[in-house]
Amino acid sequence: MLGAATITVMMTVCVLSVFSYAGGMAGAIAHDQAQRLRAALDGVFSDSGNSLDVSGSARDAFLRLVDVLESSSEAVVFPSDTVVSTQKAAEMLGVSRMTVVRLIDRGELAAEGGGVHRRIAVAELARYRASSAARRTAALHSLAQEISGDTPPDQVISTR
């Protein structure tokens, strides 16, 4: 029980979540566990007797973390300063190790070290995943704009 304890968030976390399209997939935590966690967090943050050093955005981050853990069994939570090898980064991104090396060489992915011992921060992986998703969404939107009701079915649409 926390009582009148002071909570200070000392470390940021990075959540990498792989969302599957399979319906009914169980999360890393059960629904009832998630509900209990949400209620406990609401109790901790709403208790006016506590002198918490935690802002509303930190509360939202904790609640978002519970949401991700409930909805995805493949969610991975790391301290944001964690670094991983190119092989682990490849596994987390769902690409080959060579693709990660090429992304680093092209400057699309920042890495520490050089040569064969490169390390990538998980926060950098999260940034890359978000920017990659945004690029894909923009490309799909652009492609959709080129297709109209007058577009013949056999017309080739340029994607590059």
C-alpha atoms as a PDB file:
ATOM      1  CA  MET A   1       0.000   0.000   0.000  1.00  0.00           C
ATOM      2  CA  LEU A   2       1.381   3.406  -0.949  1.00  0.00           C
ATOM      3  CA  GLY A   3      -0.290   5.516   1.744  1.00  0.00           C
ATOM      4  CA  ALA A   4       1.313   8.947   1.918  1.00  0.00           C
ATOM      5  CA  ALA A   5       4.382   7.898  -0.028  1.00  0.00           C
ATOM      6  CA  THR A   6       5.953  10.175  -2.571  1.00  0.00           C
ATOM      7  CA  ILE A   7       6.242   8.693  -6.030  1.00  0.00           C
ATOM      8  CA  THR A   8       8.893  10.074  -8.331  1.00  0.00           C
ATOM      9  CA  VAL A   9       9.208   8.839 -11.883  1.00  0.00           C
ATOM     10  CA  MET A  10      12.944   8.405 -12.287  1.00  0.00           C
ATOM     11  CA  MET A  11      13.134   6.621 -15.609  1.00  0.00           C
ATOM     12  CA  THR A  12      11.230   6.893 -18.834  1.00  0.00           C
ATOM     13  CA  VAL A  13      10.116   3.758 -20.583  1.00  0.00           C
ATOM     14  CA  CYS A  14       9.784   2.895 -24.196  1.00  0.00           C
ATOM     15  CA  VAL A  15       6.953   0.612 -25.261  1.00  0.00           C
ATOM     16  CA  LEU A  16       7.305  -1.236 -28.519  1.00  0.00           C
ATOM     17  CA  SER A  17       4.096  -2.957 -29.442  1.00  0.00           C
ATOM     18  CA  VAL A  18       3.473  -5.338 -32.289  1.00  0.00           C
ATOM     19  CA  PHE A  19      -0.203  -5.248 -33.173  1.00  0.00           C
ATOM     20  CA  SER A  20      -1.559  -8.401 -34.727  1.00  0.00           C
ATOM     21  CA  TYR A  21      -4.673  -8.466 -36.859  1.00  0.00           C
ATOM     22  CA  ALA A  22      -5.812 -11.794 -35.408  1.00  0.00           C
ATOM     23  CA  GLY A  23      -9.055 -11.214 -33.549  1.00  0.00           C
ATOM     24  CA  GLY A  24      -9.397 -12.220 -29.919  1.00  0.00           C
ATOM     25  CA  MET A  25      -5.688 -12.395 -29.204  1.00  0.00           C
ATOM     26  CA  ALA A  26      -5.069 -12.238 -25.462  1.00  0.00           C
ATOM     27  CA  GLY A  27      -2.841  -9.518 -24.097  1.00  0.00           C
ATOM     28  CA  ALA A  28       0.169  -9.800 -21.845  1.00  0.00           C
ATOM     29  CA  ILE A  29      -2.180  -9.217 -18.892  1.00  0.00           C
ATOM     30  CA  ALA A  30      -5.791 -10.328 -18.496  1.00  0.00           C
ATOM     31  CA  HIS A  31      -8.700  -7.892 -18.686  1.00  0.00           C
ATOM     32  CA  ASP A  32      -9.519  -8.210 -14.973  1.00  0.00           C
ATOM     33  CA  GLN A  33      -5.873  -7.565 -14.063  1.00  0.00           C
ATOM     34  CA  ALA A  34      -5.880  -4.479 -16.282  1.00  0.00           C
ATOM     35  CA  GLN A  35      -9.068  -3.227 -14.639  1.00  0.00           C
ATOM     36  CA  ARG A  36      -7.522  -3.674 -11.174  1.00  0.00           C
ATOM     37  CA  LEU A  37      -4.376  -1.836 -12.284  1.00  0.00           C
ATOM     38  CA  ARG A  38      -6.431   1.055 -13.689  1.00  0.00           C
ATOM     39  CA  ALA A  39      -8.432   1.284 -10.457  1.00  0.00           C
ATOM     40  CA  ALA A  40      -5.227   1.225  -8.388  1.00  0.00           C
ATOM     41  CA  LEU A  41      -3.673   3.938 -10.554  1.00  0.00           C
ATOM     42  CA  ASP A  42      -6.816   6.066 -10.287  1.00  0.00           C
ATOM     43  CA  GLY A  43      -6.726   5.613  -6.516  1.00  0.00           C
ATOM     44  CA  VAL A  44      -3.072   6.581  -6.267  1.00  0.00           C
ATOM     45  CA  PHE A  45      -3.424   9.646  -8.498  1.00  0.00           C
ATOM     46  CA  SER A  46      -6.730  10.878  -7.085  1.00  0.00           C
ATOM     47  CA  ASP A  47      -5.856  10.472  -3.408  1.00  0.00           C
ATOM     48  CA  SER A  48      -5.442  14.066  -2.257  1.00  0.00           C
ATOM     49  CA  GLY A  49      -3.561  12.907   0.860  1.00  0.00           C
ATOM     50  CA  ASN A  50      -0.563  11.868  -1.211  1.00  0.00           C
ATOM     51  CA  SER A  51       2.094  14.365  -2.191  1.00  0.00           C
ATOM     52  CA  LEU A  52       2.907  12.897  -5.571  1.00  0.00           C
ATOM     53  CA  ASP A  53       5.658  14.183  -7.806  1.00  0.00           C
ATOM     54  CA  VAL A  54       3.831  12.733 -10.814  1.00  0.00           C
ATOM     55  CA  SER A  55       2.095  14.870 -13.400  1.00  0.00           C
ATOM     56  CA  GLY A  56      -1.145  14.128 -15.230  1.00  0.00           C
ATOM     57  CA  SER A  57       0.846  13.145 -18.296  1.00  0.00           C
ATOM     58  CA  ALA A  58       2.662  10.515 -16.231  1.00  0.00           C
ATOM     59  CA  ARG A  59      -0.734   9.168 -15.112  1.00  0.00           C
ATOM     60  CA  ASP A  60      -1.799   8.996 -18.753  1.00  0.00           C
ATOM     61  CA  ALA A  61       1.446   7.197 -19.625  1.00  0.00           C
ATOM     62  CA  PHE A  62       0.825   4.583 -16.933  1.00  0.00           C
ATOM     63  CA  LEU A  63      -2.742   4.078 -18.155  1.00  0.00           C
ATOM     64  CA  ARG A  64      -1.531   3.797 -21.767  1.00  0.00           C
ATOM     65  CA  LEU A  65       0.996   1.183 -20.653  1.00  0.00           C
ATOM     66  CA  VAL A  66      -1.809  -0.849 -19.062  1.00  0.00           C
ATOM     67  CA  ASP A  67      -3.840  -0.516 -22.291  1.00  0.00           C
ATOM     68  CA  VAL A  68      -0.949  -1.781 -24.405  1.00  0.00           C
ATOM     69  CA  LEU A  69      -0.211  -4.678 -22.076  1.00  0.00           C
ATOM     70  CA  GLU A  70      -3.883  -5.650 -22.083  1.00  0.00           C
ATOM     71  CA  SER A  71      -4.332  -5.474 -25.846  1.00  0.00           C
ATOM     72  CA  SER A  72      -1.100  -7.000 -27.103  1.00  0.00           C
ATOM     73  CA  SER A  73       0.599 -10.161 -25.967  1.00  0.00           C
ATOM     74  CA  GLU A  74       3.620  -9.074 -27.990  1.00  0.00           C
ATOM     75  CA  ALA A  75       4.193  -5.737 -26.240  1.00  0.00           C
ATOM     76  CA  VAL A  76       7.750  -5.173 -25.115  1.00  0.00           C
ATOM     77  CA  VAL A  77       8.582  -2.634 -22.400  1.00  0.00           C
ATOM     78  CA  PHE A  78      12.134  -1.363 -21.924  1.00  0.00           C
ATOM     79  CA  PRO A  79      13.747   1.489 -20.046  1.00  0.00           C
ATOM     80  CA  SER A  80      14.210   4.141 -22.741  1.00  0.00           C
ATOM     81  CA  ASP A  81      17.981   4.133 -22.339  1.00  0.00           C
ATOM     82  CA  THR A  82      18.267   0.416 -23.176  1.00  0.00           C
ATOM     83  CA  VAL A  83      20.387  -0.404 -26.204  1.00  0.00           C
ATOM     84  CA  VAL A  84      20.147  -3.590 -28.260  1.00  0.00           C
ATOM     85  CA  SER A  85      22.269  -5.319 -30.871  1.00  0.00           C
ATOM     86  CA  THR A  86      21.501  -5.104 -34.572  1.00  0.00           C
ATOM     87  CA  GLN A  87      20.194  -8.693 -34.418  1.00  0.00           C
ATOM     88  CA  LYS A  88      17.766  -7.898 -31.578  1.00  0.00           C
ATOM     89  CA  ALA A  89      16.723  -4.686 -33.340  1.00  0.00           C
ATOM     90  CA  ALA A  90      16.019  -6.703 -36.492  1.00  0.00           C
ATOM     91  CA  GLU A  91      13.870  -9.149 -34.530  1.00  0.00           C
ATOM     92  CA  MET A  92      11.952  -6.288 -32.915  1.00  0.00           C
ATOM     93  CA  LEU A  93      11.363  -4.549 -36.258  1.00  0.00           C
ATOM     94  CA  GLY A  94      10.561  -7.765 -38.114  1.00  0.00           C
ATOM     95  CA  VAL A  95      13.344  -7.331 -40.674  1.00  0.00           C
ATOM     96  CA  SER A  96      16.707  -8.933 -41.325  1.00  0.00           C
ATOM     97  CA  ARG A  97      19.881  -7.893 -39.510  1.00  0.00           C
ATOM     98  CA  MET A  98      21.314  -6.718 -42.844  1.00  0.00           C
ATOM     99  CA  THR A  99      18.322  -4.411 -43.313  1.00  0.00           C
ATOM    100  CA  VAL A 100      19.041  -2.845 -39.908  1.00  0.00           C
ATOM    101  CA  VAL A 101      22.700  -2.396 -40.900  1.00  0.00           C
ATOM    102  CA  ARG A 102      21.625  -0.715 -44.160  1.00  0.00           C
ATOM    103  CA  LEU A 103      19.215   1.575 -42.281  1.00  0.00           C
ATOM    104  CA  ILE A 104      22.082   2.612 -39.998  1.00  0.00           C
ATOM    105  CA  ASP A 105      24.439   3.142 -42.944  1.00  0.00           C
ATOM    106  CA  ARG A 106      21.829   5.325 -44.716  1.00  0.00           C
ATOM    107  CA  GLY A 107      21.291   7.371 -41.557  1.00  0.00           C
ATOM    108  CA  GLU A 108      17.656   6.306 -41.152  1.00  0.00           C
ATOM    109  CA  LEU A 109      18.422   4.624 -37.842  1.00  0.00           C
ATOM    110  CA  ALA A 110      20.859   6.059 -35.284  1.00  0.00           C
ATOM    111  CA  ALA A 111      23.291   3.675 -33.617  1.00  0.00           C
ATOM    112  CA  GLU A 112      26.072   3.806 -31.079  1.00  0.00           C
ATOM    113  CA  GLY A 113      29.453   2.321 -31.801  1.00  0.00           C
ATOM    114  CA  GLY A 114      30.689   1.261 -35.174  1.00  0.00           C
ATOM    115  CA  GLY A 115      31.935  -1.657 -37.141  1.00  0.00           C
ATOM    116  CA  VAL A 116      30.470  -4.958 -36.052  1.00  0.00           C
ATOM    117  CA  HIS A 117      29.397  -3.899 -32.542  1.00  0.00           C
ATOM    118  CA  ARG A 118      26.646  -1.392 -33.231  1.00  0.00           C
ATOM    119  CA  ARG A 119      23.983  -0.784 -30.589  1.00  0.00           C
ATOM    120  CA  ILE A 120      20.613   0.862 -31.156  1.00  0.00           C
ATOM    121  CA  ALA A 121      18.550   2.539 -28.437  1.00  0.00           C
ATOM    122  CA  VAL A 122      15.029   1.133 -28.118  1.00  0.00           C
ATOM    123  CA  ALA A 123      13.750   4.727 -28.118  1.00  0.00           C
ATOM    124  CA  GLU A 124      15.336   5.062 -31.573  1.00  0.00           C
ATOM    125  CA  LEU A 125      13.560   1.887 -32.696  1.00  0.00           C
ATOM    126  CA  ALA A 126      10.251   3.341 -31.497  1.00  0.00           C
ATOM    127  CA  ARG A 127      10.972   6.589 -33.372  1.00  0.00           C
ATOM    128  CA  TYR A 128      11.832   4.682 -36.548  1.00  0.00           C
ATOM    129  CA  ARG A 129       8.695   2.530 -36.324  1.00  0.00           C
ATOM    130  CA  ALA A 130       6.511   5.618 -35.911  1.00  0.00           C
ATOM    131  CA  SER A 131       8.141   7.480 -38.819  1.00  0.00           C
ATOM    132  CA  SER A 132       8.005   4.367 -41.001  1.00  0.00           C
ATOM    133  CA  ALA A 133       4.298   3.939 -40.258  1.00  0.00           C
ATOM    134  CA  ALA A 134       3.697   7.619 -41.084  1.00  0.00           C
ATOM    135  CA  ARG A 135       5.542   7.246 -44.423  1.00  0.00           C
ATOM    136  CA  ARG A 136       3.502   4.144 -45.312  1.00  0.00           C
ATOM    137  CA  THR A 137       0.255   5.902 -44.440  1.00  0.00           C
ATOM    138  CA  ALA A 138       1.207   8.933 -46.551  1.00  0.00           C
ATOM    139  CA  ALA A 139       2.154   6.691 -49.493  1.00  0.00           C
ATOM    140  CA  LEU A 140      -1.144   4.804 -49.299  1.00  0.00           C
ATOM    141  CA  HIS A 141      -3.054   8.082 -49.101  1.00  0.00           C
ATOM    142  CA  SER A 142      -1.181   9.405 -52.138  1.00  0.00           C
ATOM    143  CA  LEU A 143      -1.878   6.201 -54.067  1.00  0.00           C
ATOM    144  CA  ALA A 144      -5.548   6.343 -53.137  1.00  0.00           C
ATOM    145  CA  GLN A 145      -5.716   9.904 -54.478  1.00  0.00           C
ATOM    146  CA  GLU A 146      -4.489   8.697 -57.879  1.00  0.00           C
ATOM    147  CA  ILE A 147      -7.295   6.154 -58.183  1.00  0.00           C
ATOM    148  CA  SER A 148     -10.728   7.426 -59.127  1.00  0.00           C
ATOM    149  CA  GLY A 149     -13.920   6.009 -60.537  1.00  0.00           C
ATOM    150  CA  ASP A 150     -12.611   6.850 -64.023  1.00  0.00           C
ATOM    151  CA  THR A 151      -9.377   4.872 -63.599  1.00  0.00           C
ATOM    152  CA  PRO A 152      -9.434   1.838 -65.924  1.00  0.00           C
ATOM    153  CA  PRO A 153      -8.851  -1.484 -64.124  1.00  0.00           C
ATOM    154  CA  ASP A 154      -5.768  -2.273 -66.190  1.00  0.00           C
ATOM    155  CA  GLN A 155      -4.028   1.107 -65.728  1.00  0.00           C
ATOM    156  CA  VAL A 156      -0.632   0.902 -64.090  1.00  0.00           C
ATOM    157  CA  ILE A 157      -0.246   3.387 -61.252  1.00  0.00           C
ATOM    158  CA  SER A 158       3.274   4.587 -60.508  1.00  0.00           C
ATOM    159  CA  THR A 159       4.290   4.052 -56.877  1.00  0.00           C
ATOM    160  CA  ARG A 160       7.715   5.655 -57.021  1.00  0.00           C
END
